[in-house]
N, C-alpha and C. Protein backbone atom coordinates (compact mmCIF):
# COMPACT_ATOMS: atom_id res chain seq x y z
N MET A 1 1.46 137.12 47.09
CA MET A 1 0.73 136.91 48.30
C MET A 1 -0.56 136.13 48.02
N MET A 2 -1.19 136.49 46.94
CA MET A 2 -2.42 135.83 46.57
C MET A 2 -2.17 134.34 46.29
N LYS A 3 -1.02 134.00 45.67
CA LYS A 3 -0.69 132.61 45.39
C LYS A 3 -0.51 131.83 46.70
N GLY A 4 0.13 132.43 47.67
CA GLY A 4 0.34 131.78 48.96
C GLY A 4 -0.97 131.51 49.66
N PHE A 5 -1.89 132.50 49.62
CA PHE A 5 -3.19 132.35 50.25
C PHE A 5 -3.98 131.23 49.58
N MET A 6 -3.95 131.16 48.24
CA MET A 6 -4.67 130.13 47.51
C MET A 6 -4.10 128.74 47.81
N SER A 7 -2.80 128.62 47.95
CA SER A 7 -2.17 127.33 48.27
C SER A 7 -2.61 126.84 49.63
N VAL A 8 -2.61 127.74 50.62
CA VAL A 8 -3.03 127.38 51.98
C VAL A 8 -4.50 126.99 51.98
N LEU A 9 -5.32 127.75 51.27
CA LEU A 9 -6.74 127.46 51.20
C LEU A 9 -6.99 126.09 50.56
N LEU A 10 -6.27 125.77 49.52
CA LEU A 10 -6.40 124.49 48.84
C LEU A 10 -6.02 123.33 49.76
N VAL A 11 -4.97 123.50 50.54
CA VAL A 11 -4.54 122.45 51.48
C VAL A 11 -5.60 122.27 52.55
N LEU A 12 -6.17 123.37 53.08
CA LEU A 12 -7.19 123.27 54.10
C LEU A 12 -8.45 122.57 53.58
N VAL A 13 -8.83 122.86 52.35
CA VAL A 13 -10.00 122.22 51.76
C VAL A 13 -9.74 120.72 51.61
N ALA A 14 -8.58 120.33 51.15
CA ALA A 14 -8.25 118.92 50.96
C ALA A 14 -8.25 118.17 52.28
N VAL A 15 -7.68 118.76 53.31
CA VAL A 15 -7.61 118.10 54.61
C VAL A 15 -9.00 117.99 55.22
N SER A 16 -9.78 119.05 55.15
CA SER A 16 -11.10 119.02 55.77
C SER A 16 -12.06 118.08 55.03
N SER A 17 -11.89 117.92 53.76
CA SER A 17 -12.78 117.02 53.02
C SER A 17 -12.52 115.56 53.38
N SER A 18 -11.33 115.25 53.78
CA SER A 18 -11.04 113.86 54.15
C SER A 18 -11.57 113.54 55.55
N TRP A 19 -11.82 114.54 56.36
CA TRP A 19 -12.33 114.29 57.71
C TRP A 19 -13.77 113.80 57.70
N GLY A 20 -14.55 114.22 56.75
CA GLY A 20 -15.96 113.91 56.73
C GLY A 20 -16.30 112.53 56.17
N LYS A 21 -15.36 111.86 55.57
CA LYS A 21 -15.64 110.56 54.95
C LYS A 21 -15.58 109.44 55.99
N PRO A 22 -16.61 108.60 56.03
CA PRO A 22 -16.53 107.45 56.95
C PRO A 22 -15.53 106.43 56.44
N GLU A 23 -14.95 105.70 57.37
CA GLU A 23 -13.99 104.66 56.98
C GLU A 23 -14.73 103.50 56.35
N LYS A 24 -14.16 102.98 55.30
CA LYS A 24 -14.75 101.82 54.64
C LYS A 24 -14.23 100.57 55.33
N SER A 25 -15.16 99.75 55.73
CA SER A 25 -14.73 98.48 56.33
C SER A 25 -14.92 97.39 55.29
N THR A 26 -13.87 96.68 55.04
CA THR A 26 -13.95 95.60 54.05
C THR A 26 -14.38 94.33 54.77
N PRO A 27 -15.41 93.69 54.27
CA PRO A 27 -15.85 92.45 54.91
C PRO A 27 -14.78 91.37 54.77
N GLN A 28 -14.63 90.59 55.81
CA GLN A 28 -13.66 89.50 55.80
C GLN A 28 -14.24 88.33 55.01
N VAL A 29 -13.57 88.00 53.93
CA VAL A 29 -14.01 86.89 53.10
C VAL A 29 -13.04 85.73 53.32
N GLN A 30 -13.61 84.57 53.61
CA GLN A 30 -12.76 83.40 53.80
C GLN A 30 -12.23 82.95 52.45
N LYS A 31 -10.98 82.56 52.43
CA LYS A 31 -10.39 82.06 51.20
C LYS A 31 -10.93 80.67 50.92
N ARG A 32 -11.37 80.49 49.69
CA ARG A 32 -11.86 79.18 49.27
C ARG A 32 -10.77 78.48 48.49
N VAL A 33 -10.64 77.23 48.74
CA VAL A 33 -9.71 76.42 47.97
C VAL A 33 -10.39 76.10 46.65
N PRO A 34 -9.78 76.46 45.53
CA PRO A 34 -10.44 76.21 44.25
C PRO A 34 -10.57 74.71 43.97
N GLN A 35 -11.66 74.34 43.36
CA GLN A 35 -11.87 72.94 42.96
C GLN A 35 -11.00 72.68 41.74
N THR A 36 -10.10 71.77 41.86
CA THR A 36 -9.23 71.47 40.72
C THR A 36 -9.82 70.32 39.92
N LEU A 37 -9.37 70.23 38.71
CA LEU A 37 -9.84 69.15 37.84
C LEU A 37 -9.27 67.80 38.26
N SER A 38 -8.28 67.81 39.14
CA SER A 38 -7.66 66.54 39.54
C SER A 38 -8.60 65.71 40.41
N ARG A 39 -9.45 66.37 41.17
CA ARG A 39 -10.35 65.71 42.12
C ARG A 39 -9.60 64.77 43.06
N GLY A 40 -8.34 65.11 43.34
CA GLY A 40 -7.54 64.34 44.28
C GLY A 40 -6.65 63.27 43.65
N TRP A 41 -6.66 63.14 42.33
CA TRP A 41 -5.86 62.12 41.65
C TRP A 41 -4.43 62.58 41.40
N GLY A 42 -4.12 63.81 41.70
CA GLY A 42 -2.78 64.36 41.49
C GLY A 42 -2.89 65.84 41.19
N ASP A 43 -2.83 66.66 42.22
CA ASP A 43 -3.06 68.09 42.04
C ASP A 43 -1.99 68.78 41.21
N GLN A 44 -0.79 68.21 41.15
CA GLN A 44 0.28 68.84 40.38
C GLN A 44 0.21 68.45 38.90
N LEU A 45 -0.66 67.52 38.55
CA LEU A 45 -0.79 67.09 37.16
C LEU A 45 -1.72 68.02 36.40
N ILE A 46 -1.57 68.04 35.09
CA ILE A 46 -2.45 68.85 34.24
C ILE A 46 -3.58 67.95 33.75
N TRP A 47 -4.80 68.32 34.10
CA TRP A 47 -5.99 67.53 33.77
C TRP A 47 -6.84 68.28 32.76
N CYS A 48 -7.42 67.54 31.84
CA CYS A 48 -8.34 68.13 30.88
C CYS A 48 -9.72 68.23 31.51
N GLN A 49 -10.50 69.15 30.98
CA GLN A 49 -11.83 69.37 31.54
C GLN A 49 -12.89 68.52 30.86
N THR A 50 -12.75 68.28 29.55
CA THR A 50 -13.75 67.50 28.82
C THR A 50 -13.07 66.40 28.00
N TYR A 51 -13.86 65.45 27.60
CA TYR A 51 -13.36 64.35 26.77
C TYR A 51 -12.89 64.88 25.42
N GLU A 52 -13.63 65.82 24.85
CA GLU A 52 -13.27 66.40 23.56
C GLU A 52 -11.94 67.14 23.64
N GLU A 53 -11.74 67.90 24.71
CA GLU A 53 -10.47 68.60 24.91
C GLU A 53 -9.33 67.61 25.04
N ALA A 54 -9.56 66.54 25.77
CA ALA A 54 -8.52 65.52 25.97
C ALA A 54 -8.15 64.84 24.66
N LEU A 55 -9.14 64.54 23.83
CA LEU A 55 -8.85 63.93 22.53
C LEU A 55 -8.03 64.87 21.65
N TYR A 56 -8.39 66.14 21.66
CA TYR A 56 -7.66 67.13 20.87
C TYR A 56 -6.20 67.23 21.34
N LYS A 57 -6.00 67.31 22.66
CA LYS A 57 -4.64 67.43 23.20
C LYS A 57 -3.83 66.17 22.94
N SER A 58 -4.48 65.02 22.96
CA SER A 58 -3.80 63.76 22.68
C SER A 58 -3.28 63.74 21.25
N GLN A 59 -4.13 64.15 20.32
CA GLN A 59 -3.71 64.19 18.91
C GLN A 59 -2.61 65.23 18.71
N ALA A 60 -2.78 66.41 19.28
CA ALA A 60 -1.84 67.51 19.07
C ALA A 60 -0.47 67.20 19.66
N SER A 61 -0.44 66.52 20.80
CA SER A 61 0.84 66.25 21.47
C SER A 61 1.41 64.87 21.14
N ASN A 62 0.62 64.04 20.46
CA ASN A 62 1.01 62.67 20.13
C ASN A 62 1.30 61.85 21.40
N LYS A 63 0.49 62.09 22.43
CA LYS A 63 0.60 61.34 23.69
C LYS A 63 -0.70 60.56 23.89
N PRO A 64 -0.61 59.39 24.53
CA PRO A 64 -1.84 58.64 24.81
C PRO A 64 -2.68 59.34 25.88
N LEU A 65 -3.96 59.10 25.83
CA LEU A 65 -4.91 59.65 26.79
C LEU A 65 -5.26 58.57 27.81
N MET A 66 -5.23 58.94 29.08
CA MET A 66 -5.66 58.04 30.15
C MET A 66 -6.95 58.61 30.72
N VAL A 67 -8.03 57.84 30.59
CA VAL A 67 -9.34 58.27 31.10
C VAL A 67 -9.65 57.45 32.34
N ILE A 68 -9.89 58.15 33.45
CA ILE A 68 -10.22 57.50 34.72
C ILE A 68 -11.68 57.79 35.04
N PHE A 69 -12.47 56.75 35.10
CA PHE A 69 -13.87 56.87 35.51
C PHE A 69 -13.96 56.52 37.00
N HIS A 70 -14.60 57.37 37.77
CA HIS A 70 -14.71 57.13 39.21
C HIS A 70 -15.92 57.87 39.75
N LEU A 71 -16.24 57.63 41.01
CA LEU A 71 -17.28 58.36 41.71
C LEU A 71 -16.70 58.88 43.02
N ASP A 72 -17.12 60.08 43.41
CA ASP A 72 -16.60 60.67 44.64
C ASP A 72 -16.99 59.89 45.89
N ASP A 73 -18.15 59.26 45.87
CA ASP A 73 -18.61 58.55 47.07
C ASP A 73 -18.40 57.03 47.00
N CYS A 74 -17.64 56.56 46.02
CA CYS A 74 -17.37 55.13 45.88
C CYS A 74 -16.12 54.77 46.69
N PRO A 75 -16.21 53.84 47.63
CA PRO A 75 -15.03 53.47 48.43
C PRO A 75 -13.91 52.85 47.59
N HIS A 76 -14.25 52.12 46.54
CA HIS A 76 -13.22 51.53 45.67
C HIS A 76 -12.48 52.62 44.90
N SER A 77 -13.23 53.61 44.41
CA SER A 77 -12.61 54.74 43.71
C SER A 77 -11.71 55.53 44.67
N GLN A 78 -12.18 55.75 45.88
CA GLN A 78 -11.40 56.50 46.86
C GLN A 78 -10.09 55.79 47.20
N ALA A 79 -10.17 54.48 47.35
CA ALA A 79 -8.97 53.70 47.68
C ALA A 79 -7.95 53.74 46.54
N LEU A 80 -8.42 53.57 45.30
CA LEU A 80 -7.51 53.63 44.15
C LEU A 80 -6.93 55.03 43.99
N LYS A 81 -7.74 56.04 44.23
CA LYS A 81 -7.28 57.42 44.11
C LYS A 81 -6.12 57.70 45.08
N GLN A 82 -6.22 57.21 46.31
CA GLN A 82 -5.16 57.43 47.30
C GLN A 82 -3.85 56.80 46.84
N VAL A 83 -3.92 55.58 46.35
CA VAL A 83 -2.71 54.88 45.90
C VAL A 83 -2.14 55.56 44.66
N PHE A 84 -3.00 55.92 43.72
CA PHE A 84 -2.59 56.59 42.48
C PHE A 84 -1.91 57.92 42.79
N ALA A 85 -2.52 58.71 43.65
CA ALA A 85 -2.00 60.05 43.96
C ALA A 85 -0.70 60.00 44.76
N ASN A 86 -0.48 58.93 45.52
CA ASN A 86 0.72 58.84 46.36
C ASN A 86 1.86 58.05 45.73
N ASN A 87 1.65 57.47 44.56
CA ASN A 87 2.69 56.71 43.90
C ASN A 87 3.50 57.64 43.01
N LYS A 88 4.74 57.90 43.40
CA LYS A 88 5.59 58.87 42.69
C LYS A 88 5.88 58.43 41.25
N GLU A 89 6.05 57.15 41.03
CA GLU A 89 6.36 56.66 39.69
C GLU A 89 5.18 56.86 38.73
N ILE A 90 4.00 56.55 39.21
CA ILE A 90 2.81 56.75 38.38
C ILE A 90 2.59 58.24 38.13
N GLN A 91 2.74 59.05 39.16
CA GLN A 91 2.54 60.50 39.00
C GLN A 91 3.54 61.09 37.99
N LYS A 92 4.78 60.62 38.05
CA LYS A 92 5.80 61.12 37.13
C LYS A 92 5.49 60.71 35.69
N MET A 93 5.14 59.45 35.50
CA MET A 93 4.83 58.97 34.15
C MET A 93 3.56 59.65 33.62
N ALA A 94 2.57 59.81 34.47
CA ALA A 94 1.33 60.47 34.05
C ALA A 94 1.61 61.91 33.64
N ASP A 95 2.47 62.58 34.37
CA ASP A 95 2.79 63.97 34.08
C ASP A 95 3.56 64.12 32.78
N GLU A 96 4.51 63.25 32.54
CA GLU A 96 5.40 63.40 31.39
C GLU A 96 4.87 62.77 30.11
N ASP A 97 4.10 61.68 30.21
CA ASP A 97 3.81 60.88 29.03
C ASP A 97 2.34 60.75 28.65
N PHE A 98 1.43 61.34 29.42
CA PHE A 98 0.00 61.13 29.17
C PHE A 98 -0.79 62.43 29.20
N ILE A 99 -1.87 62.43 28.45
CA ILE A 99 -2.92 63.42 28.60
C ILE A 99 -3.91 62.80 29.58
N LEU A 100 -4.36 63.55 30.56
CA LEU A 100 -5.15 62.98 31.65
C LEU A 100 -6.55 63.56 31.71
N LEU A 101 -7.50 62.68 32.01
CA LEU A 101 -8.89 63.08 32.18
C LEU A 101 -9.50 62.16 33.22
N ASN A 102 -10.13 62.74 34.23
CA ASN A 102 -10.90 61.90 35.15
C ASN A 102 -12.34 62.38 35.14
N LEU A 103 -13.25 61.44 35.09
CA LEU A 103 -14.66 61.74 34.93
C LEU A 103 -15.48 61.08 36.02
N VAL A 104 -16.46 61.82 36.51
CA VAL A 104 -17.40 61.26 37.48
C VAL A 104 -18.75 61.00 36.81
N PHE A 105 -18.76 61.04 35.48
CA PHE A 105 -19.96 60.76 34.71
C PHE A 105 -19.54 60.04 33.44
N GLU A 106 -20.46 59.37 32.81
CA GLU A 106 -20.17 58.65 31.57
C GLU A 106 -20.16 59.62 30.38
N THR A 107 -19.41 59.29 29.36
CA THR A 107 -19.38 60.10 28.15
C THR A 107 -20.37 59.50 27.14
N VAL A 108 -20.57 60.23 26.06
CA VAL A 108 -21.46 59.73 25.01
C VAL A 108 -20.74 58.70 24.13
N ASP A 109 -19.42 58.63 24.23
CA ASP A 109 -18.64 57.67 23.43
C ASP A 109 -18.76 56.28 24.04
N LYS A 110 -19.50 55.42 23.40
CA LYS A 110 -19.73 54.06 23.92
C LYS A 110 -18.48 53.18 23.83
N HIS A 111 -17.46 53.64 23.11
CA HIS A 111 -16.21 52.88 23.04
C HIS A 111 -15.48 52.89 24.38
N LEU A 112 -15.83 53.84 25.25
CA LEU A 112 -15.15 53.94 26.54
C LEU A 112 -15.77 53.03 27.61
N ASN A 113 -16.78 52.28 27.25
CA ASN A 113 -17.33 51.29 28.18
C ASN A 113 -17.58 49.98 27.45
N PRO A 114 -16.52 49.37 26.92
CA PRO A 114 -16.69 48.15 26.12
C PRO A 114 -17.24 46.97 26.90
N ASP A 115 -17.03 46.95 28.21
CA ASP A 115 -17.54 45.83 28.99
C ASP A 115 -18.47 46.29 30.12
N GLY A 116 -19.02 47.49 30.00
CA GLY A 116 -19.98 47.96 30.99
C GLY A 116 -19.56 49.27 31.63
N GLN A 117 -20.50 49.82 32.39
CA GLN A 117 -20.26 51.08 33.09
C GLN A 117 -20.08 50.78 34.57
N TYR A 118 -18.86 50.75 35.01
CA TYR A 118 -18.53 50.50 36.42
C TYR A 118 -17.39 51.43 36.79
N VAL A 119 -17.17 51.58 38.07
CA VAL A 119 -16.07 52.41 38.56
C VAL A 119 -15.36 51.66 39.68
N PRO A 120 -14.10 51.92 39.88
CA PRO A 120 -13.21 52.70 39.03
C PRO A 120 -12.81 51.93 37.78
N ARG A 121 -12.63 52.68 36.71
CA ARG A 121 -12.29 52.09 35.41
C ARG A 121 -11.28 53.02 34.75
N ILE A 122 -10.20 52.45 34.21
CA ILE A 122 -9.17 53.23 33.53
C ILE A 122 -9.00 52.68 32.12
N ILE A 123 -9.16 53.58 31.15
CA ILE A 123 -9.07 53.19 29.74
C ILE A 123 -8.06 54.10 29.05
N PHE A 124 -7.29 53.53 28.15
CA PHE A 124 -6.29 54.27 27.40
C PHE A 124 -6.79 54.49 25.97
N VAL A 125 -6.51 55.67 25.44
CA VAL A 125 -6.86 56.02 24.06
C VAL A 125 -5.59 56.55 23.41
N ASP A 126 -5.24 56.01 22.23
CA ASP A 126 -4.02 56.49 21.59
C ASP A 126 -4.31 57.74 20.75
N PRO A 127 -3.26 58.45 20.31
CA PRO A 127 -3.46 59.70 19.58
C PRO A 127 -4.22 59.57 18.26
N SER A 128 -4.33 58.36 17.74
CA SER A 128 -5.14 58.17 16.53
C SER A 128 -6.61 58.04 16.89
N LEU A 129 -6.93 58.28 18.17
CA LEU A 129 -8.29 58.24 18.72
C LEU A 129 -8.87 56.83 18.78
N THR A 130 -7.99 55.85 18.87
CA THR A 130 -8.39 54.46 19.01
C THR A 130 -8.39 54.08 20.48
N VAL A 131 -9.52 53.59 20.97
CA VAL A 131 -9.58 53.11 22.35
C VAL A 131 -8.79 51.82 22.42
N ARG A 132 -7.85 51.76 23.36
CA ARG A 132 -6.96 50.61 23.49
C ARG A 132 -7.64 49.52 24.32
N ALA A 133 -8.51 48.77 23.68
CA ALA A 133 -9.23 47.69 24.35
C ALA A 133 -8.32 46.54 24.73
N ASP A 134 -7.11 46.51 24.18
CA ASP A 134 -6.17 45.44 24.47
C ASP A 134 -5.40 45.67 25.77
N ILE A 135 -5.44 46.85 26.32
CA ILE A 135 -4.72 47.14 27.57
C ILE A 135 -5.73 47.02 28.71
N ILE A 136 -5.67 45.87 29.40
CA ILE A 136 -6.68 45.56 30.40
C ILE A 136 -6.04 45.25 31.75
N GLY A 137 -6.88 45.24 32.77
CA GLY A 137 -6.46 44.88 34.13
C GLY A 137 -6.47 43.37 34.30
N ARG A 138 -6.59 42.93 35.55
CA ARG A 138 -6.48 41.50 35.81
C ARG A 138 -7.82 40.79 35.99
N TYR A 139 -8.92 41.51 35.86
CA TYR A 139 -10.23 40.91 36.11
C TYR A 139 -10.94 40.60 34.79
N SER A 140 -11.49 39.40 34.68
CA SER A 140 -12.16 39.01 33.43
C SER A 140 -13.57 39.59 33.32
N ASN A 141 -14.21 39.85 34.45
CA ASN A 141 -15.57 40.39 34.39
C ASN A 141 -15.60 41.92 34.39
N ARG A 142 -14.51 42.56 34.77
CA ARG A 142 -14.37 44.03 34.70
C ARG A 142 -12.95 44.29 34.20
N MET A 143 -12.79 44.24 32.91
CA MET A 143 -11.45 44.21 32.32
C MET A 143 -10.64 45.48 32.55
N TYR A 144 -11.28 46.61 32.80
CA TYR A 144 -10.55 47.87 32.94
C TYR A 144 -10.57 48.39 34.37
N ALA A 145 -10.94 47.52 35.30
CA ALA A 145 -10.99 47.88 36.71
C ALA A 145 -9.62 47.66 37.35
N TYR A 146 -9.31 48.51 38.30
CA TYR A 146 -8.08 48.39 39.08
C TYR A 146 -8.43 48.60 40.54
N GLU A 147 -7.73 47.87 41.39
CA GLU A 147 -7.85 48.04 42.83
C GLU A 147 -6.51 48.55 43.35
N PRO A 148 -6.45 49.01 44.59
CA PRO A 148 -5.19 49.53 45.11
C PRO A 148 -4.02 48.55 45.01
N ASN A 149 -4.28 47.26 45.18
CA ASN A 149 -3.18 46.30 45.09
C ASN A 149 -2.82 45.96 43.64
N ASP A 150 -3.51 46.56 42.66
CA ASP A 150 -3.21 46.36 41.24
C ASP A 150 -2.34 47.48 40.68
N ILE A 151 -1.69 48.23 41.52
CA ILE A 151 -0.96 49.42 41.06
C ILE A 151 0.21 49.03 40.15
N LYS A 152 0.82 47.88 40.40
CA LYS A 152 1.91 47.43 39.51
C LYS A 152 1.37 47.08 38.13
N GLN A 153 0.18 46.49 38.08
CA GLN A 153 -0.46 46.18 36.80
C GLN A 153 -0.79 47.48 36.05
N LEU A 154 -1.27 48.48 36.77
CA LEU A 154 -1.57 49.76 36.14
C LEU A 154 -0.31 50.40 35.60
N LEU A 155 0.76 50.34 36.37
CA LEU A 155 2.04 50.89 35.92
C LEU A 155 2.53 50.17 34.66
N ALA A 156 2.40 48.84 34.63
CA ALA A 156 2.79 48.07 33.45
C ALA A 156 1.91 48.43 32.25
N ASN A 157 0.62 48.67 32.49
CA ASN A 157 -0.27 49.04 31.40
C ASN A 157 0.04 50.45 30.88
N MET A 158 0.46 51.33 31.76
CA MET A 158 0.87 52.66 31.33
C MET A 158 2.12 52.56 30.45
N GLN A 159 3.05 51.70 30.85
CA GLN A 159 4.25 51.46 30.04
C GLN A 159 3.86 50.88 28.68
N ALA A 160 2.92 49.95 28.68
CA ALA A 160 2.46 49.33 27.43
C ALA A 160 1.82 50.37 26.52
N ALA A 161 1.03 51.25 27.08
CA ALA A 161 0.38 52.29 26.27
C ALA A 161 1.42 53.19 25.62
N LYS A 162 2.50 53.47 26.35
CA LYS A 162 3.59 54.28 25.79
C LYS A 162 4.34 53.53 24.72
N LYS A 163 4.72 52.30 24.99
CA LYS A 163 5.53 51.52 24.04
C LYS A 163 4.76 51.24 22.75
N LEU A 164 3.54 50.81 22.87
CA LEU A 164 2.76 50.50 21.68
C LEU A 164 2.51 51.75 20.86
N LEU A 165 2.38 52.85 21.51
CA LEU A 165 2.20 54.11 20.81
C LEU A 165 3.39 54.38 19.88
N LYS A 166 4.57 54.17 20.39
CA LYS A 166 5.77 54.47 19.61
C LYS A 166 6.00 53.47 18.48
N THR A 167 5.60 52.21 18.66
CA THR A 167 5.82 51.23 17.61
C THR A 167 4.72 51.25 16.56
N GLU A 168 3.53 51.72 16.93
CA GLU A 168 2.41 51.70 15.98
C GLU A 168 2.37 52.95 15.11
N LEU A 169 2.79 54.08 15.64
CA LEU A 169 2.66 55.32 14.88
C LEU A 169 3.92 55.71 14.17
């Protein structure tokens, strides 16, 4: 009988203790879209965070590095970014065959600006850490600049970076 009384008393204490607690209201937090390293150049691609990390991954994977210099508020960079991100062939080749890095600031490596600091600028670096100064765009005064209508030239240069990599190493 004593066991039955204690069981009932325990249940009553448990039930009554829950009555006195105020309900916790959880504040509604808006979901934030995380800032990706792609900065709009291809969200499904794997992007490196730093130049040093990109060089390491390039050596480790034996893939060329593609460095894209741009500015968020530059209309030329924005136009090239749209074409680059929407071109399935470039996105596929970038995903499969390159280590990728896009920068909105200059690096300390002066080899990455052989003809000046301008944007947009795309430079290739092979796994031996050699900047490929021979892979250029169509402009003589900005050799590594590309415009949206130069996407075929960029695609050809990406192919060249892959082919020369395999014949040189």
